[in-house]
Amino acid sequence: MLYYYSLLILGSLLEFTGDSTLKFFARTNQLVYGLVGLSSYVLMTGVLVILLKMSNVMYTNVLWEGLGLIIETGLAFFLLQERMSNVYQYFGLGMVITGMSLLNIGKIPK
């Protein structure tokens, strides 16, 4: 179970790396950012394949999206200094965290 969640975190970090470096590529046209972004997505896809060998698509996808949203939002907030535009969006993030907690009751479905 720890291995599964470690891979989810790794995948989310790779997704954030891909997102942020492709953002820099789009704004600067520096090829290195584009290459790092695309490489991150290739590695992220490999992690996703490993996760799908360990669980079903529904469970993996929900956890991937939820955990990715939490990690990427936090990193964008602290590293990129990005903010949401209203209190309802922060409330929605809190609902995602609540949903993630409920999903983790019980064992990982196959």
N, C-alpha and C. Protein backbone atom coordinates (compact mmCIF):
# COMPACT_ATOMS: atom_id res chain seq x y z
N MET A 1 0.82 -1.19 0.00
CA MET A 1 0.00 0.00 0.00
C MET A 1 0.87 1.26 0.00
N LEU A 2 1.95 1.25 0.77
CA LEU A 2 2.86 2.39 0.79
C LEU A 2 3.48 2.61 -0.59
N TYR A 3 3.81 1.51 -1.26
CA TYR A 3 4.38 1.59 -2.61
C TYR A 3 3.39 2.25 -3.57
N TYR A 4 2.12 1.87 -3.47
CA TYR A 4 1.08 2.42 -4.34
C TYR A 4 0.98 3.94 -4.14
N TYR A 5 0.90 4.36 -2.89
CA TYR A 5 0.76 5.80 -2.60
C TYR A 5 2.04 6.57 -2.94
N SER A 6 3.18 5.93 -2.78
CA SER A 6 4.44 6.57 -3.18
C SER A 6 4.46 6.81 -4.68
N LEU A 7 3.97 5.84 -5.44
CA LEU A 7 3.89 6.03 -6.90
C LEU A 7 2.89 7.12 -7.27
N LEU A 8 1.78 7.21 -6.55
CA LEU A 8 0.81 8.29 -6.79
C LEU A 8 1.46 9.65 -6.58
N ILE A 9 2.23 9.77 -5.51
CA ILE A 9 2.91 11.04 -5.22
C ILE A 9 3.95 11.33 -6.28
N LEU A 10 4.74 10.33 -6.67
CA LEU A 10 5.74 10.50 -7.72
C LEU A 10 5.08 10.94 -9.03
N GLY A 11 3.98 10.29 -9.38
CA GLY A 11 3.26 10.66 -10.60
C GLY A 11 2.76 12.09 -10.55
N SER A 12 2.26 12.50 -9.40
CA SER A 12 1.77 13.87 -9.26
C SER A 12 2.91 14.88 -9.36
N LEU A 13 4.05 14.55 -8.78
CA LEU A 13 5.21 15.44 -8.89
C LEU A 13 5.71 15.53 -10.33
N LEU A 14 5.70 14.41 -11.03
CA LEU A 14 6.08 14.44 -12.45
C LEU A 14 5.08 15.25 -13.26
N GLU A 15 3.80 15.14 -12.92
CA GLU A 15 2.78 15.92 -13.63
C GLU A 15 2.98 17.41 -13.38
N PHE A 16 3.27 17.79 -12.13
CA PHE A 16 3.53 19.20 -11.82
C PHE A 16 4.76 19.70 -12.57
N THR A 17 5.81 18.88 -12.62
CA THR A 17 7.02 19.25 -13.35
C THR A 17 6.68 19.48 -14.83
N GLY A 18 5.91 18.57 -15.40
CA GLY A 18 5.51 18.72 -16.79
C GLY A 18 4.68 19.96 -17.01
N ASP A 19 3.69 20.17 -16.14
CA ASP A 19 2.82 21.35 -16.27
C ASP A 19 3.60 22.65 -16.17
N SER A 20 4.43 22.75 -15.13
CA SER A 20 5.13 24.02 -14.90
C SER A 20 6.20 24.29 -15.96
N THR A 21 6.92 23.26 -16.38
CA THR A 21 7.95 23.52 -17.39
C THR A 21 7.33 23.79 -18.76
N LEU A 22 6.19 23.16 -19.06
CA LEU A 22 5.52 23.49 -20.32
C LEU A 22 4.92 24.90 -20.28
N LYS A 23 4.52 25.35 -19.09
CA LYS A 23 4.08 26.74 -18.94
C LYS A 23 5.24 27.69 -19.27
N PHE A 24 6.42 27.39 -18.73
CA PHE A 24 7.59 28.23 -19.02
C PHE A 24 7.96 28.16 -20.50
N PHE A 25 7.85 26.97 -21.08
CA PHE A 25 8.13 26.82 -22.51
C PHE A 25 7.17 27.67 -23.34
N ALA A 26 5.89 27.64 -22.98
CA ALA A 26 4.89 28.42 -23.72
C ALA A 26 5.16 29.91 -23.64
N ARG A 27 5.72 30.35 -22.53
CA ARG A 27 5.94 31.79 -22.34
C ARG A 27 7.32 32.26 -22.81
N THR A 28 8.29 31.34 -22.90
CA THR A 28 9.65 31.76 -23.25
C THR A 28 10.16 31.18 -24.56
N ASN A 29 9.52 30.13 -25.05
CA ASN A 29 9.96 29.40 -26.25
C ASN A 29 11.36 28.81 -26.10
N GLN A 30 11.81 28.57 -24.88
CA GLN A 30 13.10 27.92 -24.65
C GLN A 30 12.89 26.40 -24.72
N LEU A 31 13.55 25.79 -25.66
CA LEU A 31 13.36 24.38 -25.97
C LEU A 31 13.60 23.47 -24.78
N VAL A 32 14.53 23.81 -23.91
CA VAL A 32 14.84 22.94 -22.77
C VAL A 32 13.60 22.74 -21.89
N TYR A 33 12.79 23.79 -21.71
CA TYR A 33 11.57 23.65 -20.92
C TYR A 33 10.59 22.69 -21.59
N GLY A 34 10.47 22.78 -22.90
CA GLY A 34 9.60 21.88 -23.63
C GLY A 34 10.04 20.43 -23.52
N LEU A 35 11.34 20.21 -23.61
CA LEU A 35 11.87 18.84 -23.52
C LEU A 35 11.70 18.26 -22.12
N VAL A 36 11.95 19.07 -21.10
CA VAL A 36 11.76 18.60 -19.72
C VAL A 36 10.29 18.31 -19.48
N GLY A 37 9.41 19.18 -19.97
CA GLY A 37 7.98 18.97 -19.79
C GLY A 37 7.50 17.69 -20.44
N LEU A 38 7.89 17.47 -21.68
CA LEU A 38 7.47 16.25 -22.39
C LEU A 38 8.07 15.00 -21.75
N SER A 39 9.32 15.08 -21.32
CA SER A 39 9.96 13.93 -20.65
C SER A 39 9.24 13.60 -19.35
N SER A 40 8.82 14.63 -18.63
CA SER A 40 8.08 14.40 -17.38
C SER A 40 6.78 13.66 -17.65
N TYR A 41 6.10 14.04 -18.72
CA TYR A 41 4.84 13.36 -19.06
C TYR A 41 5.06 11.91 -19.50
N VAL A 42 6.15 11.64 -20.19
CA VAL A 42 6.46 10.26 -20.56
C VAL A 42 6.70 9.42 -19.32
N LEU A 43 7.50 9.93 -18.39
CA LEU A 43 7.77 9.21 -17.14
C LEU A 43 6.48 9.04 -16.33
N MET A 44 5.65 10.09 -16.31
CA MET A 44 4.39 10.04 -15.59
C MET A 44 3.49 8.93 -16.15
N THR A 45 3.48 8.77 -17.46
CA THR A 45 2.69 7.72 -18.09
C THR A 45 3.18 6.34 -17.64
N GLY A 46 4.49 6.17 -17.53
CA GLY A 46 5.05 4.91 -17.04
C GLY A 46 4.60 4.62 -15.62
N VAL A 47 4.58 5.63 -14.78
CA VAL A 47 4.11 5.45 -13.40
C VAL A 47 2.64 5.05 -13.40
N LEU A 48 1.84 5.69 -14.25
CA LEU A 48 0.42 5.37 -14.32
C LEU A 48 0.20 3.91 -14.74
N VAL A 49 0.99 3.42 -15.68
CA VAL A 49 0.87 2.02 -16.11
C VAL A 49 1.14 1.08 -14.94
N ILE A 50 2.16 1.38 -14.15
CA ILE A 50 2.47 0.54 -12.98
C ILE A 50 1.32 0.57 -11.99
N LEU A 51 0.76 1.76 -11.76
CA LEU A 51 -0.37 1.87 -10.83
C LEU A 51 -1.58 1.07 -11.30
N LEU A 52 -1.83 1.09 -12.61
CA LEU A 52 -2.98 0.37 -13.14
C LEU A 52 -2.80 -1.14 -13.06
N LYS A 53 -1.57 -1.61 -12.93
CA LYS A 53 -1.34 -3.05 -12.70
C LYS A 53 -1.72 -3.43 -11.27
N MET A 54 -1.76 -2.44 -10.38
CA MET A 54 -2.00 -2.70 -8.97
C MET A 54 -3.44 -2.47 -8.54
N SER A 55 -4.22 -1.76 -9.35
CA SER A 55 -5.59 -1.43 -8.98
C SER A 55 -6.43 -1.22 -10.23
N ASN A 56 -7.71 -0.91 -10.03
CA ASN A 56 -8.57 -0.69 -11.18
C ASN A 56 -8.52 0.77 -11.65
N VAL A 57 -9.04 1.03 -12.82
CA VAL A 57 -8.98 2.36 -13.43
C VAL A 57 -9.75 3.39 -12.61
N MET A 58 -10.94 3.03 -12.15
CA MET A 58 -11.77 3.98 -11.42
C MET A 58 -11.07 4.50 -10.16
N TYR A 59 -10.57 3.60 -9.35
CA TYR A 59 -9.92 3.98 -8.09
C TYR A 59 -8.64 4.75 -8.36
N THR A 60 -7.83 4.24 -9.27
CA THR A 60 -6.56 4.90 -9.58
C THR A 60 -6.79 6.29 -10.14
N ASN A 61 -7.74 6.43 -11.04
CA ASN A 61 -7.99 7.73 -11.65
C ASN A 61 -8.48 8.75 -10.63
N VAL A 62 -9.39 8.35 -9.75
CA VAL A 62 -9.90 9.28 -8.75
C VAL A 62 -8.79 9.72 -7.80
N LEU A 63 -8.01 8.75 -7.31
CA LEU A 63 -6.91 9.12 -6.41
C LEU A 63 -5.84 9.95 -7.12
N TRP A 64 -5.53 9.57 -8.37
CA TRP A 64 -4.52 10.30 -9.15
C TRP A 64 -4.95 11.77 -9.30
N GLU A 65 -6.19 11.97 -9.73
CA GLU A 65 -6.68 13.34 -9.95
C GLU A 65 -6.77 14.12 -8.66
N GLY A 66 -7.31 13.48 -7.62
CA GLY A 66 -7.45 14.17 -6.34
C GLY A 66 -6.12 14.51 -5.70
N LEU A 67 -5.25 13.53 -5.63
CA LEU A 67 -3.94 13.77 -5.03
C LEU A 67 -3.14 14.76 -5.88
N GLY A 68 -3.23 14.61 -7.19
CA GLY A 68 -2.55 15.56 -8.09
C GLY A 68 -3.06 16.97 -7.89
N LEU A 69 -4.36 17.11 -7.72
CA LEU A 69 -4.94 18.44 -7.51
C LEU A 69 -4.40 19.05 -6.22
N ILE A 70 -4.35 18.26 -5.18
CA ILE A 70 -3.87 18.77 -3.89
C ILE A 70 -2.38 19.13 -3.97
N ILE A 71 -1.57 18.23 -4.49
CA ILE A 71 -0.13 18.47 -4.57
C ILE A 71 0.18 19.62 -5.52
N GLU A 72 -0.41 19.59 -6.71
CA GLU A 72 -0.11 20.62 -7.70
C GLU A 72 -0.62 21.99 -7.26
N THR A 73 -1.77 22.03 -6.59
CA THR A 73 -2.28 23.31 -6.09
C THR A 73 -1.35 23.87 -5.02
N GLY A 74 -0.90 23.01 -4.14
CA GLY A 74 0.04 23.46 -3.10
C GLY A 74 1.35 23.95 -3.68
N LEU A 75 1.90 23.19 -4.63
CA LEU A 75 3.17 23.62 -5.25
C LEU A 75 3.00 24.90 -6.05
N ALA A 76 1.88 25.01 -6.78
CA ALA A 76 1.63 26.24 -7.55
C ALA A 76 1.46 27.43 -6.61
N PHE A 77 0.83 27.21 -5.47
CA PHE A 77 0.64 28.28 -4.49
C PHE A 77 1.97 28.76 -3.94
N PHE A 78 2.82 27.81 -3.51
CA PHE A 78 4.07 28.17 -2.85
C PHE A 78 5.22 28.47 -3.81
N LEU A 79 5.37 27.68 -4.86
CA LEU A 79 6.51 27.85 -5.76
C LEU A 79 6.26 28.87 -6.87
N LEU A 80 5.06 28.84 -7.44
CA LEU A 80 4.76 29.72 -8.56
C LEU A 80 3.99 30.98 -8.15
N GLN A 81 3.65 31.06 -6.86
CA GLN A 81 2.93 32.21 -6.31
C GLN A 81 1.58 32.44 -7.00
N GLU A 82 0.92 31.36 -7.41
CA GLU A 82 -0.39 31.47 -8.05
C GLU A 82 -1.48 31.38 -6.98
N ARG A 83 -2.61 32.03 -7.24
CA ARG A 83 -3.72 32.06 -6.29
C ARG A 83 -5.03 31.75 -7.00
N MET A 84 -5.98 31.24 -6.25
CA MET A 84 -7.33 31.07 -6.77
C MET A 84 -8.04 32.42 -6.68
N SER A 85 -9.16 32.55 -7.37
CA SER A 85 -9.78 33.87 -7.46
C SER A 85 -10.88 34.13 -6.43
N ASN A 86 -11.38 33.08 -5.74
CA ASN A 86 -12.42 33.33 -4.73
C ASN A 86 -12.44 32.22 -3.69
N VAL A 87 -13.16 32.49 -2.62
CA VAL A 87 -13.21 31.58 -1.47
C VAL A 87 -13.88 30.25 -1.83
N TYR A 88 -14.80 30.25 -2.78
CA TYR A 88 -15.48 29.01 -3.17
C TYR A 88 -14.51 28.00 -3.78
N GLN A 89 -13.51 28.47 -4.47
CA GLN A 89 -12.51 27.57 -5.04
C GLN A 89 -11.70 26.89 -3.94
N TYR A 90 -11.36 27.62 -2.89
CA TYR A 90 -10.65 27.02 -1.76
C TYR A 90 -11.57 26.03 -1.03
N PHE A 91 -12.86 26.34 -0.94
CA PHE A 91 -13.84 25.43 -0.36
C PHE A 91 -13.90 24.13 -1.18
N GLY A 92 -13.89 24.26 -2.49
CA GLY A 92 -13.89 23.09 -3.37
C GLY A 92 -12.67 22.22 -3.15
N LEU A 93 -11.50 22.84 -2.94
CA LEU A 93 -10.28 22.09 -2.65
C LEU A 93 -10.44 21.32 -1.34
N GLY A 94 -11.07 21.94 -0.36
CA GLY A 94 -11.34 21.26 0.91
C GLY A 94 -12.26 20.06 0.72
N MET A 95 -13.21 20.18 -0.20
CA MET A 95 -14.11 19.06 -0.49
C MET A 95 -13.34 17.90 -1.14
N VAL A 96 -12.37 18.24 -1.98
CA VAL A 96 -11.55 17.20 -2.60
C VAL A 96 -10.76 16.45 -1.53
N ILE A 97 -10.20 17.17 -0.59
CA ILE A 97 -9.44 16.55 0.49
C ILE A 97 -10.35 15.63 1.31
N THR A 98 -11.58 16.07 1.58
CA THR A 98 -12.54 15.24 2.30
C THR A 98 -12.86 13.97 1.50
N GLY A 99 -13.09 14.13 0.22
CA GLY A 99 -13.37 12.98 -0.64
C GLY A 99 -12.22 12.00 -0.70
N MET A 100 -11.00 12.52 -0.75
CA MET A 100 -9.82 11.64 -0.77
C MET A 100 -9.75 10.83 0.52
N SER A 101 -10.07 11.46 1.64
CA SER A 101 -10.05 10.76 2.92
C SER A 101 -11.06 9.62 2.93
N LEU A 102 -12.25 9.89 2.40
CA LEU A 102 -13.29 8.86 2.36
C LEU A 102 -12.91 7.71 1.43
N LEU A 103 -12.25 8.01 0.32
CA LEU A 103 -11.84 6.96 -0.62
C LEU A 103 -10.81 6.01 0.00
N ASN A 104 -10.09 6.47 0.97
CA ASN A 104 -9.02 5.66 1.53
C ASN A 104 -9.48 4.79 2.70
N ILE A 105 -10.80 4.72 2.91
CA ILE A 105 -11.33 3.80 3.90
C ILE A 105 -11.41 2.42 3.25
N GLY A 106 -10.74 1.48 3.83
CA GLY A 106 -10.73 0.13 3.27
C GLY A 106 -9.48 -0.15 2.46
N LYS A 107 -9.51 -1.25 1.72
CA LYS A 107 -8.34 -1.67 0.96
C LYS A 107 -8.41 -1.16 -0.48
N ILE A 108 -7.28 -1.25 -1.18
CA ILE A 108 -7.20 -0.85 -2.57
C ILE A 108 -7.94 -1.88 -3.42
N PRO A 109 -8.95 -1.46 -4.21
CA PRO A 109 -9.67 -2.44 -5.03
C PRO A 109 -8.85 -2.93 -6.20
N LYS A 110 -9.07 -4.17 -6.61
CA LYS A 110 -8.34 -4.75 -7.75
C LYS A 110 -9.15 -4.67 -8.99
